[in-house]
Amino acid sequence: MGIVAKAHLAAIEPSLLSARADVDGLLHLSGKGTLATSRATEIRTLSATLAVQTAKRLSPEIQYNAKLDDVVFRVRNAAAHMGLVDSAELRRAIGSMVRVVDSLVAASKWTDRRDFWSEDLIPAADAAAMEARHDASARLAAKLAGATIRLRELLASLSPAAQATVRRSLAGRSRGLRLTTMRGRSALSVVNRDGSSAQSKKTTEKSTRARGSFPKL
């Protein structure tokens, strides 16, 4: 994953590969190698993690999430440096790697996905991507269940009148959710179907409305 990210950066601008504070490396990669005091073989490039993070900043469509996908680097380091492999983490890492690499290949436009993985590996890549999607769905379901439990606990601490108010506010049948963006910040406000806001503060910025239902408690 790190190598593909570095290839993506090199295609944009070779000097992006230079490690921080490596002036000679920056000179070599920017075509000014004759001014460097060290050889090109001594260039220090940025780490794999930083390469993927930088690629994501330059190409936001790359599907990388540090919290979820850094397991790839952790698994690689544990296997390469300590000879330790956890089968569950390995499966997660492979799924993350395939998803990120697929998005890097798409963003870089070097070739199509099938040619990149080759006919021999494309079935394995497809299987890993499908398993990763199933895992993501399972994580979402777990988060929704946890949110439902926490909301129930919150309601239990309120008076009956307050509980009724909260339920009315959350009911998808009579309320909607308006996601309002104000000066780069997102504010979530409950609005009635007639468009009147449940908040006293008026907003004039453009907003999008997303309607949804909530679990009955």
N, C-alpha and C. Protein backbone atom coordinates (compact mmCIF):
# COMPACT_ATOMS: atom_id res chain seq x y z
N MET A 1 0.83 -1.20 0.00
CA MET A 1 0.00 0.00 0.00
C MET A 1 0.87 1.26 0.00
N GLY A 2 1.93 1.23 0.81
CA GLY A 2 2.83 2.38 0.86
C GLY A 2 3.55 2.60 -0.45
N ILE A 3 3.96 1.49 -1.11
CA ILE A 3 4.66 1.61 -2.39
C ILE A 3 3.75 2.20 -3.46
N VAL A 4 2.50 1.76 -3.48
CA VAL A 4 1.54 2.30 -4.47
C VAL A 4 1.29 3.77 -4.19
N ALA A 5 1.20 4.14 -2.92
CA ALA A 5 1.01 5.55 -2.56
C ALA A 5 2.21 6.38 -3.02
N LYS A 6 3.41 5.85 -2.85
CA LYS A 6 4.61 6.59 -3.27
C LYS A 6 4.65 6.72 -4.80
N ALA A 7 4.21 5.70 -5.50
CA ALA A 7 4.15 5.79 -6.96
C ALA A 7 3.16 6.87 -7.38
N HIS A 8 2.05 6.96 -6.66
CA HIS A 8 1.05 7.99 -6.94
C HIS A 8 1.65 9.38 -6.74
N LEU A 9 2.39 9.55 -5.65
CA LEU A 9 3.02 10.85 -5.38
C LEU A 9 4.08 11.18 -6.42
N ALA A 10 4.87 10.18 -6.80
CA ALA A 10 5.93 10.41 -7.77
C ALA A 10 5.37 10.85 -9.12
N ALA A 11 4.19 10.31 -9.47
CA ALA A 11 3.57 10.70 -10.73
C ALA A 11 3.10 12.15 -10.69
N ILE A 12 2.77 12.64 -9.50
CA ILE A 12 2.33 14.03 -9.35
C ILE A 12 3.52 14.97 -9.29
N GLU A 13 4.48 14.66 -8.40
CA GLU A 13 5.67 15.47 -8.20
C GLU A 13 6.72 14.64 -7.44
N PRO A 14 7.81 14.24 -8.08
CA PRO A 14 8.81 13.37 -7.43
C PRO A 14 9.32 13.90 -6.09
N SER A 15 9.45 15.20 -5.95
CA SER A 15 10.00 15.76 -4.72
C SER A 15 9.09 15.50 -3.51
N LEU A 16 7.82 15.11 -3.76
CA LEU A 16 6.92 14.79 -2.66
C LEU A 16 7.37 13.55 -1.89
N LEU A 17 8.26 12.78 -2.49
CA LEU A 17 8.74 11.55 -1.85
C LEU A 17 9.81 11.82 -0.79
N SER A 18 10.40 12.99 -0.81
CA SER A 18 11.50 13.28 0.10
C SER A 18 11.05 13.31 1.55
N ALA A 19 11.86 12.67 2.42
CA ALA A 19 11.58 12.72 3.85
C ALA A 19 11.79 14.14 4.35
N ARG A 20 11.15 14.45 5.43
CA ARG A 20 11.28 15.78 6.00
C ARG A 20 12.73 16.05 6.40
N ALA A 21 13.18 17.25 6.15
CA ALA A 21 14.52 17.71 6.51
C ALA A 21 15.63 17.04 5.71
N ASP A 22 15.28 16.25 4.67
CA ASP A 22 16.31 15.65 3.82
C ASP A 22 16.52 16.55 2.62
N VAL A 23 17.38 17.55 2.79
CA VAL A 23 17.60 18.55 1.74
C VAL A 23 18.23 17.91 0.52
N ASP A 24 19.22 17.04 0.72
CA ASP A 24 19.87 16.40 -0.42
C ASP A 24 18.88 15.55 -1.21
N GLY A 25 18.03 14.84 -0.50
CA GLY A 25 17.02 14.05 -1.18
C GLY A 25 16.09 14.93 -1.99
N LEU A 26 15.72 16.06 -1.44
CA LEU A 26 14.85 17.00 -2.15
C LEU A 26 15.54 17.53 -3.40
N LEU A 27 16.83 17.79 -3.31
CA LEU A 27 17.58 18.27 -4.48
C LEU A 27 17.62 17.20 -5.56
N HIS A 28 17.90 15.97 -5.19
CA HIS A 28 17.93 14.89 -6.18
C HIS A 28 16.57 14.72 -6.86
N LEU A 29 15.52 14.70 -6.07
CA LEU A 29 14.18 14.43 -6.60
C LEU A 29 13.62 15.60 -7.39
N SER A 30 14.18 16.78 -7.21
CA SER A 30 13.70 17.95 -7.96
C SER A 30 14.58 18.26 -9.17
N GLY A 31 15.51 17.35 -9.48
CA GLY A 31 16.36 17.54 -10.66
C GLY A 31 17.57 18.41 -10.40
N LYS A 32 17.91 18.65 -9.15
CA LYS A 32 19.07 19.47 -8.79
C LYS A 32 20.14 18.64 -8.09
N GLY A 33 20.25 17.38 -8.50
CA GLY A 33 21.16 16.46 -7.83
C GLY A 33 22.61 16.89 -7.83
N THR A 34 23.02 17.66 -8.80
CA THR A 34 24.42 18.09 -8.86
C THR A 34 24.78 19.01 -7.69
N LEU A 35 23.78 19.56 -7.04
CA LEU A 35 24.02 20.45 -5.90
C LEU A 35 24.01 19.70 -4.56
N ALA A 36 23.64 18.42 -4.60
CA ALA A 36 23.55 17.65 -3.37
C ALA A 36 24.93 17.20 -2.92
N THR A 37 25.09 17.00 -1.62
CA THR A 37 26.37 16.54 -1.06
C THR A 37 26.37 15.03 -0.83
N SER A 38 25.25 14.38 -1.03
CA SER A 38 25.18 12.93 -0.89
C SER A 38 24.72 12.32 -2.21
N ARG A 39 24.90 11.00 -2.32
CA ARG A 39 24.53 10.31 -3.55
C ARG A 39 23.02 10.05 -3.60
N ALA A 40 22.53 9.82 -4.81
CA ALA A 40 21.09 9.56 -4.99
C ALA A 40 20.66 8.30 -4.26
N THR A 41 21.59 7.34 -4.12
CA THR A 41 21.25 6.09 -3.42
C THR A 41 21.05 6.29 -1.92
N GLU A 42 21.38 7.48 -1.42
CA GLU A 42 21.21 7.76 0.00
C GLU A 42 19.95 8.57 0.30
N ILE A 43 19.13 8.74 -0.71
CA ILE A 43 17.88 9.49 -0.51
C ILE A 43 17.00 8.80 0.54
N ARG A 44 16.47 9.58 1.43
CA ARG A 44 15.53 9.07 2.43
C ARG A 44 14.12 9.52 2.02
N THR A 45 13.27 8.56 1.82
CA THR A 45 11.89 8.89 1.42
C THR A 45 10.97 8.87 2.64
N LEU A 46 9.80 9.46 2.48
CA LEU A 46 8.84 9.51 3.58
C LEU A 46 8.31 8.12 3.90
N SER A 47 7.81 7.94 5.10
CA SER A 47 7.31 6.64 5.54
C SER A 47 6.07 6.23 4.74
N ALA A 48 5.76 4.93 4.79
CA ALA A 48 4.59 4.44 4.07
C ALA A 48 3.32 5.10 4.58
N THR A 49 3.21 5.25 5.91
CA THR A 49 2.01 5.88 6.48
C THR A 49 1.86 7.31 5.99
N LEU A 50 2.95 8.06 6.03
CA LEU A 50 2.89 9.46 5.59
C LEU A 50 2.65 9.55 4.09
N ALA A 51 3.15 8.58 3.34
CA ALA A 51 2.91 8.58 1.89
C ALA A 51 1.43 8.44 1.59
N VAL A 52 0.76 7.52 2.29
CA VAL A 52 -0.68 7.34 2.06
C VAL A 52 -1.45 8.57 2.52
N GLN A 53 -1.07 9.14 3.66
CA GLN A 53 -1.75 10.34 4.16
C GLN A 53 -1.59 11.51 3.18
N THR A 54 -0.38 11.66 2.62
CA THR A 54 -0.14 12.74 1.67
C THR A 54 -0.92 12.52 0.38
N ALA A 55 -0.94 11.27 -0.08
CA ALA A 55 -1.71 10.95 -1.29
C ALA A 55 -3.18 11.27 -1.08
N LYS A 56 -3.69 10.98 0.11
CA LYS A 56 -5.10 11.26 0.42
C LYS A 56 -5.36 12.77 0.39
N ARG A 57 -4.43 13.56 0.89
CA ARG A 57 -4.61 15.01 0.89
C ARG A 57 -4.64 15.55 -0.55
N LEU A 58 -3.80 14.99 -1.41
CA LEU A 58 -3.75 15.45 -2.79
C LEU A 58 -4.89 14.90 -3.63
N SER A 59 -5.36 13.71 -3.28
CA SER A 59 -6.45 13.07 -4.03
C SER A 59 -7.50 12.59 -3.03
N PRO A 60 -8.43 13.45 -2.62
CA PRO A 60 -9.40 13.10 -1.57
C PRO A 60 -10.25 11.88 -1.89
N GLU A 61 -10.32 11.50 -3.16
CA GLU A 61 -11.13 10.33 -3.51
C GLU A 61 -10.51 9.01 -3.06
N ILE A 62 -9.26 9.05 -2.65
CA ILE A 62 -8.60 7.84 -2.15
C ILE A 62 -9.28 7.41 -0.86
N GLN A 63 -9.65 6.15 -0.78
CA GLN A 63 -10.45 5.64 0.34
C GLN A 63 -9.53 5.16 1.47
N TYR A 64 -8.98 6.13 2.18
CA TYR A 64 -8.08 5.81 3.30
C TYR A 64 -8.59 6.48 4.56
N ASN A 65 -8.70 5.69 5.62
CA ASN A 65 -9.10 6.18 6.93
C ASN A 65 -8.07 5.66 7.92
N ALA A 66 -7.28 6.56 8.48
CA ALA A 66 -6.17 6.14 9.35
C ALA A 66 -6.65 5.24 10.48
N LYS A 67 -7.78 5.58 11.09
CA LYS A 67 -8.26 4.81 12.24
C LYS A 67 -8.55 3.37 11.86
N LEU A 68 -9.07 3.15 10.65
CA LEU A 68 -9.44 1.80 10.22
C LEU A 68 -8.33 1.09 9.46
N ASP A 69 -7.55 1.84 8.70
CA ASP A 69 -6.65 1.22 7.74
C ASP A 69 -5.19 1.11 8.17
N ASP A 70 -4.82 1.77 9.27
CA ASP A 70 -3.43 1.64 9.71
C ASP A 70 -3.12 0.26 10.25
N VAL A 71 -4.15 -0.60 10.36
CA VAL A 71 -3.91 -2.00 10.71
C VAL A 71 -2.99 -2.65 9.68
N VAL A 72 -3.02 -2.16 8.45
CA VAL A 72 -2.14 -2.71 7.40
C VAL A 72 -0.68 -2.58 7.81
N PHE A 73 -0.29 -1.42 8.29
CA PHE A 73 1.10 -1.19 8.68
C PHE A 73 1.44 -1.94 9.96
N ARG A 74 0.49 -2.03 10.86
CA ARG A 74 0.73 -2.74 12.11
C ARG A 74 0.96 -4.23 11.86
N VAL A 75 0.14 -4.82 11.01
CA VAL A 75 0.27 -6.24 10.69
C VAL A 75 1.58 -6.50 9.96
N ARG A 76 1.91 -5.61 9.03
CA ARG A 76 3.15 -5.77 8.27
C ARG A 76 4.36 -5.71 9.20
N ASN A 77 4.38 -4.73 10.09
CA ASN A 77 5.52 -4.57 10.99
C ASN A 77 5.65 -5.76 11.96
N ALA A 78 4.53 -6.22 12.48
CA ALA A 78 4.56 -7.36 13.41
C ALA A 78 5.08 -8.61 12.73
N ALA A 79 4.67 -8.82 11.47
CA ALA A 79 5.12 -10.01 10.73
C ALA A 79 6.58 -9.89 10.31
N ALA A 80 6.96 -8.72 9.80
CA ALA A 80 8.31 -8.55 9.26
C ALA A 80 9.38 -8.46 10.35
N HIS A 81 9.06 -7.81 11.46
CA HIS A 81 10.09 -7.54 12.47
C HIS A 81 10.05 -8.48 13.68
N MET A 82 8.86 -9.07 13.94
CA MET A 82 8.77 -9.94 15.11
C MET A 82 8.28 -11.35 14.79
N GLY A 83 7.89 -11.57 13.53
CA GLY A 83 7.39 -12.89 13.15
C GLY A 83 6.06 -13.23 13.78
N LEU A 84 5.25 -12.20 14.11
CA LEU A 84 3.96 -12.41 14.75
C LEU A 84 2.83 -12.10 13.77
N VAL A 85 1.87 -13.02 13.67
CA VAL A 85 0.72 -12.81 12.78
C VAL A 85 -0.55 -13.22 13.51
N ASP A 86 -1.51 -12.32 13.57
CA ASP A 86 -2.83 -12.60 14.12
C ASP A 86 -3.77 -12.77 12.92
N SER A 87 -4.39 -13.94 12.81
CA SER A 87 -5.18 -14.25 11.61
C SER A 87 -6.35 -13.28 11.41
N ALA A 88 -7.00 -12.87 12.52
CA ALA A 88 -8.13 -11.94 12.39
C ALA A 88 -7.65 -10.58 11.91
N GLU A 89 -6.56 -10.10 12.49
CA GLU A 89 -6.00 -8.81 12.06
C GLU A 89 -5.50 -8.89 10.62
N LEU A 90 -4.93 -10.04 10.26
CA LEU A 90 -4.43 -10.20 8.89
C LEU A 90 -5.57 -10.08 7.89
N ARG A 91 -6.71 -10.70 8.17
CA ARG A 91 -7.86 -10.59 7.26
C ARG A 91 -8.33 -9.15 7.13
N ARG A 92 -8.40 -8.46 8.28
CA ARG A 92 -8.79 -7.04 8.24
C ARG A 92 -7.80 -6.22 7.43
N ALA A 93 -6.52 -6.49 7.63
CA ALA A 93 -5.48 -5.73 6.93
C ALA A 93 -5.56 -5.94 5.43
N ILE A 94 -5.80 -7.17 5.01
CA ILE A 94 -5.89 -7.46 3.57
C ILE A 94 -7.08 -6.73 2.96
N GLY A 95 -8.21 -6.75 3.67
CA GLY A 95 -9.38 -6.02 3.16
C GLY A 95 -9.12 -4.54 3.04
N SER A 96 -8.48 -3.95 4.06
CA SER A 96 -8.16 -2.52 4.01
C SER A 96 -7.18 -2.23 2.88
N MET A 97 -6.16 -3.08 2.76
CA MET A 97 -5.15 -2.86 1.73
C MET A 97 -5.77 -2.86 0.33
N VAL A 98 -6.61 -3.84 0.07
CA VAL A 98 -7.23 -3.94 -1.26
C VAL A 98 -8.08 -2.70 -1.55
N ARG A 99 -8.87 -2.27 -0.57
CA ARG A 99 -9.73 -1.09 -0.78
C ARG A 99 -8.91 0.16 -1.04
N VAL A 100 -7.86 0.38 -0.25
CA VAL A 100 -7.04 1.58 -0.44
C VAL A 100 -6.27 1.51 -1.75
N VAL A 101 -5.69 0.35 -2.05
CA VAL A 101 -4.93 0.22 -3.29
C VAL A 101 -5.83 0.39 -4.50
N ASP A 102 -7.03 -0.18 -4.44
CA ASP A 102 -7.98 0.00 -5.56
C ASP A 102 -8.25 1.48 -5.80
N SER A 103 -8.45 2.24 -4.73
CA SER A 103 -8.73 3.66 -4.90
C SER A 103 -7.49 4.42 -5.38
N LEU A 104 -6.31 3.99 -4.98
CA LEU A 104 -5.07 4.61 -5.46
C LEU A 104 -4.89 4.36 -6.96
N VAL A 105 -5.16 3.14 -7.37
CA VAL A 105 -5.04 2.80 -8.80
C VAL A 105 -6.05 3.62 -9.61
N ALA A 106 -7.27 3.73 -9.10
CA ALA A 106 -8.29 4.52 -9.81
C ALA A 106 -7.90 5.99 -9.88
N ALA A 107 -7.35 6.53 -8.79
CA ALA A 107 -6.97 7.94 -8.77
C ALA A 107 -5.77 8.21 -9.67
N SER A 108 -4.87 7.26 -9.74
CA SER A 108 -3.64 7.46 -10.52
C SER A 108 -3.85 7.27 -12.02
N LYS A 109 -4.87 6.45 -12.36
CA LYS A 109 -5.20 6.22 -13.77
C LYS A 109 -4.04 5.61 -14.55
N TRP A 110 -3.20 4.79 -13.89
CA TRP A 110 -2.13 4.10 -14.63
C TRP A 110 -2.71 3.00 -15.50
N THR A 111 -3.61 2.26 -14.94
CA THR A 111 -4.17 1.09 -15.60
C THR A 111 -5.50 0.77 -14.93
N ASP A 112 -6.21 -0.23 -15.44
CA ASP A 112 -7.45 -0.58 -14.76
C ASP A 112 -7.16 -1.59 -13.66
N ARG A 113 -8.15 -1.79 -12.83
CA ARG A 113 -7.97 -2.63 -11.64
C ARG A 113 -7.57 -4.05 -11.99
N ARG A 114 -8.20 -4.62 -13.00
CA ARG A 114 -7.92 -6.01 -13.35
C ARG A 114 -6.49 -6.19 -13.83
N ASP A 115 -6.00 -5.25 -14.63
CA ASP A 115 -4.61 -5.35 -15.09
C ASP A 115 -3.63 -5.17 -13.94
N PHE A 116 -3.99 -4.31 -12.96
CA PHE A 116 -3.09 -4.10 -11.83
C PHE A 116 -2.93 -5.37 -11.00
N TRP A 117 -4.04 -6.01 -10.66
CA TRP A 117 -3.97 -7.20 -9.82
C TRP A 117 -3.54 -8.44 -10.60
N SER A 118 -3.78 -8.46 -11.89
CA SER A 118 -3.49 -9.59 -12.79
C SER A 118 -4.60 -10.63 -12.69
N GLU A 119 -4.70 -11.45 -13.71
CA GLU A 119 -5.74 -12.47 -13.75
C GLU A 119 -5.60 -13.47 -12.61
N ASP A 120 -4.38 -13.69 -12.15
CA ASP A 120 -4.16 -14.66 -11.07
C ASP A 120 -4.65 -14.14 -9.72
N LEU A 121 -4.49 -12.84 -9.47
CA LEU A 121 -4.79 -12.28 -8.15
C LEU A 121 -6.14 -11.59 -8.06
N ILE A 122 -6.76 -11.30 -9.19
CA ILE A 122 -8.02 -10.55 -9.14
C ILE A 122 -9.11 -11.30 -8.36
N PRO A 123 -9.22 -12.64 -8.43
CA PRO A 123 -10.24 -13.32 -7.61
C PRO A 123 -10.00 -13.11 -6.11
N ALA A 124 -8.73 -13.17 -5.69
CA ALA A 124 -8.42 -12.97 -4.28
C ALA A 124 -8.71 -11.53 -3.86
N ALA A 125 -8.39 -10.57 -4.73
CA ALA A 125 -8.67 -9.17 -4.43
C ALA A 125 -10.16 -8.92 -4.33
N ASP A 126 -10.94 -9.52 -5.21
CA ASP A 126 -12.40 -9.37 -5.17
C ASP A 126 -12.96 -9.95 -3.87
N ALA A 127 -12.46 -11.12 -3.49
CA ALA A 127 -12.95 -11.76 -2.26
C ALA A 127 -12.62 -10.92 -1.03
N ALA A 128 -11.40 -10.37 -1.00
CA ALA A 128 -10.99 -9.54 0.14
C ALA A 128 -11.83 -8.27 0.22
N ALA A 129 -12.11 -7.66 -0.94
CA ALA A 129 -12.92 -6.44 -0.96
C ALA A 129 -14.34 -6.72 -0.48
N MET A 130 -14.90 -7.86 -0.88
CA MET A 130 -16.26 -8.21 -0.47
C MET A 130 -16.31 -8.47 1.04
N GLU A 131 -15.32 -9.17 1.56
CA GLU A 131 -15.29 -9.45 3.00
C GLU A 131 -15.15 -8.15 3.79
N ALA A 132 -14.35 -7.21 3.27
CA ALA A 132 -14.18 -5.92 3.95
C ALA A 132 -15.49 -5.15 3.99
N ARG A 133 -16.27 -5.20 2.91
CA ARG A 133 -17.57 -4.52 2.90
C ARG A 133 -18.52 -5.14 3.92
N HIS A 134 -18.50 -6.46 4.03
CA HIS A 134 -19.35 -7.13 5.02
C HIS A 134 -18.93 -6.74 6.43
N ASP A 135 -17.63 -6.65 6.67
CA ASP A 135 -17.14 -6.25 7.99
C ASP A 135 -17.58 -4.82 8.32
N ALA A 136 -17.54 -3.95 7.31
CA ALA A 136 -17.97 -2.56 7.53
C ALA A 136 -19.45 -2.51 7.89
N SER A 137 -20.26 -3.33 7.23
CA SER A 137 -21.69 -3.37 7.54
C SER A 137 -21.92 -3.87 8.96
N ALA A 138 -21.12 -4.86 9.37
CA ALA A 138 -21.25 -5.39 10.73
C ALA A 138 -20.87 -4.33 11.76
N ARG A 139 -19.81 -3.56 11.47
CA ARG A 139 -19.40 -2.50 12.40
C ARG A 139 -20.48 -1.43 12.51
N LEU A 140 -21.12 -1.10 11.38
CA LEU A 140 -22.19 -0.11 11.40
C LEU A 140 -23.37 -0.60 12.23
N ALA A 141 -23.72 -1.87 12.06
CA ALA A 141 -24.83 -2.43 12.83
C ALA A 141 -24.52 -2.39 14.32
N ALA A 142 -23.27 -2.69 14.67
CA ALA A 142 -22.87 -2.67 16.09
C ALA A 142 -22.95 -1.25 16.64
N LYS A 143 -22.53 -0.27 15.85
CA LYS A 143 -22.59 1.12 16.31
C LYS A 143 -24.03 1.58 16.49
N LEU A 144 -24.91 1.18 15.57
CA LEU A 144 -26.32 1.55 15.69
C LEU A 144 -26.93 0.92 16.95
N ALA A 145 -26.57 -0.33 17.21
CA ALA A 145 -27.08 -0.99 18.41
C ALA A 145 -26.58 -0.29 19.66
N GLY A 146 -25.31 0.09 19.65
CA GLY A 146 -24.75 0.79 20.80
C GLY A 146 -25.40 2.14 21.01
N ALA A 147 -25.68 2.85 19.91
CA ALA A 147 -26.33 4.15 20.01
C ALA A 147 -27.74 4.01 20.57
N THR A 148 -28.43 2.95 20.16
CA THR A 148 -29.78 2.72 20.66
C THR A 148 -29.77 2.47 22.17
N ILE A 149 -28.79 1.67 22.61
CA ILE A 149 -28.68 1.39 24.05
C ILE A 149 -28.37 2.66 24.83
N ARG A 150 -27.45 3.47 24.33
CA ARG A 150 -27.08 4.71 25.02
C ARG A 150 -28.26 5.68 25.08
N LEU A 151 -29.04 5.74 23.98
CA LEU A 151 -30.20 6.62 23.97
C LEU A 151 -31.24 6.14 24.98
N ARG A 152 -31.43 4.83 25.07
CA ARG A 152 -32.38 4.29 26.04
C ARG A 152 -31.94 4.62 27.47
N GLU A 153 -30.64 4.52 27.72
CA GLU A 153 -30.13 4.86 29.05
C GLU A 153 -30.34 6.35 29.35
N LEU A 154 -30.14 7.19 28.31
CA LEU A 154 -30.36 8.62 28.50
C LEU A 154 -31.81 8.91 28.83
N LEU A 155 -32.72 8.28 28.09
CA LEU A 155 -34.13 8.51 28.34
C LEU A 155 -34.53 8.07 29.74
N ALA A 156 -33.91 7.00 30.21
CA ALA A 156 -34.26 6.49 31.54
C ALA A 156 -33.95 7.49 32.64
N SER A 157 -33.00 8.39 32.38
CA SER A 157 -32.63 9.38 33.38
C SER A 157 -33.49 10.63 33.33
N LEU A 158 -34.42 10.70 32.37
CA LEU A 158 -35.26 11.88 32.20
C LEU A 158 -36.65 11.66 32.77
N SER A 159 -37.33 12.74 33.00
CA SER A 159 -38.72 12.66 33.46
C SER A 159 -39.59 12.22 32.29
N PRO A 160 -40.79 11.68 32.57
CA PRO A 160 -41.69 11.26 31.49
C PRO A 160 -41.96 12.38 30.47
N ALA A 161 -42.12 13.60 30.97
CA ALA A 161 -42.39 14.71 30.05
C ALA A 161 -41.19 14.98 29.15
N ALA A 162 -39.99 14.91 29.73
CA ALA A 162 -38.79 15.14 28.94
C ALA A 162 -38.59 14.01 27.93
N GLN A 163 -38.90 12.77 28.35
CA GLN A 163 -38.80 11.64 27.43
C GLN A 163 -39.72 11.83 26.23
N ALA A 164 -40.93 12.28 26.50
CA ALA A 164 -41.89 12.50 25.42
C ALA A 164 -41.39 13.56 24.46
N THR A 165 -40.76 14.60 24.99
CA THR A 165 -40.24 15.67 24.14
C THR A 165 -39.12 15.15 23.25
N VAL A 166 -38.23 14.35 23.84
CA VAL A 166 -37.13 13.80 23.06
C VAL A 166 -37.65 12.87 21.96
N ARG A 167 -38.61 12.01 22.32
CA ARG A 167 -39.17 11.09 21.33
C ARG A 167 -39.83 11.84 20.18
N ARG A 168 -40.57 12.90 20.51
CA ARG A 168 -41.21 13.69 19.45
C ARG A 168 -40.16 14.33 18.55
N SER A 169 -39.05 14.76 19.16
CA SER A 169 -38.00 15.40 18.37
C SER A 169 -37.31 14.42 17.43
N LEU A 170 -37.22 13.16 17.86
CA LEU A 170 -36.50 12.17 17.06
C LEU A 170 -37.38 11.41 16.08
N ALA A 171 -38.68 11.47 16.27
CA ALA A 171 -39.58 10.67 15.43
C ALA A 171 -39.47 11.10 13.97
N GLY A 172 -39.11 10.19 13.12
CA GLY A 172 -38.97 10.49 11.70
C GLY A 172 -40.27 10.82 11.02
N ARG A 173 -41.40 10.38 11.62
CA ARG A 173 -42.69 10.64 10.98
C ARG A 173 -43.08 12.10 11.06
N SER A 174 -42.65 12.80 12.12
CA SER A 174 -43.10 14.16 12.30
C SER A 174 -41.97 15.19 12.29
N ARG A 175 -40.73 14.67 12.22
CA ARG A 175 -39.60 15.59 12.24
C ARG A 175 -38.61 15.23 11.14
N GLY A 176 -37.81 16.16 10.81
CA GLY A 176 -36.73 15.90 9.87
C GLY A 176 -35.44 16.42 10.47
N LEU A 177 -34.37 16.09 9.84
CA LEU A 177 -33.08 16.58 10.30
C LEU A 177 -32.52 17.53 9.27
N ARG A 178 -32.10 18.68 9.73
CA ARG A 178 -31.49 19.64 8.81
C ARG A 178 -30.02 19.81 9.20
N LEU A 179 -29.17 19.49 8.22
CA LEU A 179 -27.74 19.65 8.44
C LEU A 179 -27.34 20.98 7.83
N THR A 180 -27.05 21.94 8.70
CA THR A 180 -26.77 23.29 8.26
C THR A 180 -25.29 23.59 8.34
N THR A 181 -24.74 24.06 7.26
CA THR A 181 -23.33 24.40 7.24
C THR A 181 -23.18 25.91 7.40
N MET A 182 -22.51 26.31 8.46
CA MET A 182 -22.35 27.74 8.74
C MET A 182 -20.87 28.05 8.92
N ARG A 183 -20.32 28.78 7.95
CA ARG A 183 -18.93 29.21 8.03
C ARG A 183 -17.98 28.05 8.27
N GLY A 184 -18.21 26.97 7.50
CA GLY A 184 -17.33 25.82 7.60
C GLY A 184 -17.63 24.89 8.75
N ARG A 185 -18.64 25.19 9.58
CA ARG A 185 -18.98 24.34 10.70
C ARG A 185 -20.36 23.75 10.48
N SER A 186 -20.56 22.51 10.89
CA SER A 186 -21.84 21.85 10.71
C SER A 186 -22.63 21.88 11.99
N ALA A 187 -23.90 22.29 11.89
CA ALA A 187 -24.77 22.31 13.06
C ALA A 187 -26.01 21.50 12.73
N LEU A 188 -26.41 20.62 13.63
CA LEU A 188 -27.56 19.76 13.41
C LEU A 188 -28.75 20.33 14.16
N SER A 189 -29.81 20.62 13.44
CA SER A 189 -30.97 21.19 14.09
C SER A 189 -32.21 20.41 13.71
N VAL A 190 -33.14 20.26 14.64
CA VAL A 190 -34.39 19.56 14.39
C VAL A 190 -35.39 20.56 13.84
N VAL A 191 -36.05 20.18 12.74
CA VAL A 191 -37.00 21.09 12.12
C VAL A 191 -38.33 20.38 11.93
N ASN A 192 -39.39 21.16 11.96
CA ASN A 192 -40.72 20.62 11.74
C ASN A 192 -40.95 20.45 10.25
N ARG A 193 -41.99 19.69 9.91
CA ARG A 193 -42.28 19.47 8.49
C ARG A 193 -42.66 20.75 7.78
N ASP A 194 -43.22 21.69 8.49
CA ASP A 194 -43.60 22.94 7.84
C ASP A 194 -42.41 23.86 7.63
N GLY A 195 -41.23 23.40 8.04
CA GLY A 195 -40.02 24.19 7.78
C GLY A 195 -39.59 25.04 8.94
N SER A 196 -40.44 25.17 10.00
CA SER A 196 -40.05 25.98 11.15
C SER A 196 -39.01 25.23 11.96
N SER A 197 -38.06 25.95 12.52
CA SER A 197 -36.97 25.31 13.25
C SER A 197 -37.28 25.19 14.71
N ALA A 198 -36.78 24.10 15.32
CA ALA A 198 -36.96 23.91 16.76
C ALA A 198 -35.95 24.72 17.54
N GLN A 199 -34.95 25.29 16.82
CA GLN A 199 -33.97 26.14 17.47
C GLN A 199 -34.38 27.59 17.28
N SER A 200 -34.05 28.41 18.25
CA SER A 200 -34.44 29.81 18.17
C SER A 200 -33.55 30.59 17.23
N LYS A 201 -32.30 30.14 17.05
CA LYS A 201 -31.37 30.87 16.21
C LYS A 201 -31.67 30.62 14.74
N LYS A 202 -31.85 31.67 13.97
CA LYS A 202 -32.14 31.51 12.55
C LYS A 202 -30.84 31.34 11.78
N THR A 203 -30.92 30.54 10.73
CA THR A 203 -29.75 30.33 9.87
C THR A 203 -30.11 30.73 8.46
N THR A 204 -29.17 31.34 7.79
CA THR A 204 -29.41 31.81 6.42
C THR A 204 -28.51 31.12 5.41
N GLU A 205 -27.61 30.23 5.90
CA GLU A 205 -26.70 29.55 4.99
C GLU A 205 -27.45 28.44 4.26
N LYS A 206 -26.88 27.98 3.16
CA LYS A 206 -27.46 26.87 2.42
C LYS A 206 -27.42 25.62 3.29
N SER A 207 -28.45 24.79 3.21
CA SER A 207 -28.49 23.57 4.02
C SER A 207 -29.07 22.44 3.20
N THR A 208 -28.78 21.23 3.66
CA THR A 208 -29.37 20.05 3.04
C THR A 208 -30.14 19.31 4.09
N ARG A 209 -31.24 18.72 3.69
CA ARG A 209 -32.10 18.00 4.64
C ARG A 209 -32.01 16.51 4.38
N ALA A 210 -31.79 15.79 5.45
CA ALA A 210 -31.74 14.33 5.34
C ALA A 210 -32.78 13.77 6.28
N ARG A 211 -33.75 13.06 5.73
CA ARG A 211 -34.81 12.49 6.55
C ARG A 211 -34.51 11.02 6.83
N GLY A 212 -34.83 10.58 8.01
CA GLY A 212 -34.61 9.19 8.34
C GLY A 212 -35.45 8.81 9.53
N SER A 213 -35.58 7.50 9.75
CA SER A 213 -36.35 7.02 10.89
C SER A 213 -35.42 6.57 11.98
N PHE A 214 -35.90 6.56 13.20
CA PHE A 214 -35.11 6.18 14.36
C PHE A 214 -35.76 4.96 14.99
N PRO A 215 -34.96 4.14 15.67
CA PRO A 215 -35.55 2.96 16.31
C PRO A 215 -36.54 3.36 17.40
N LYS A 216 -37.63 2.61 17.48
CA LYS A 216 -38.62 2.87 18.51
C LYS A 216 -38.07 2.41 19.85
N LEU A 217 -38.23 3.21 20.86
CA LEU A 217 -37.71 2.88 22.20
C LEU A 217 -38.86 2.69 23.19
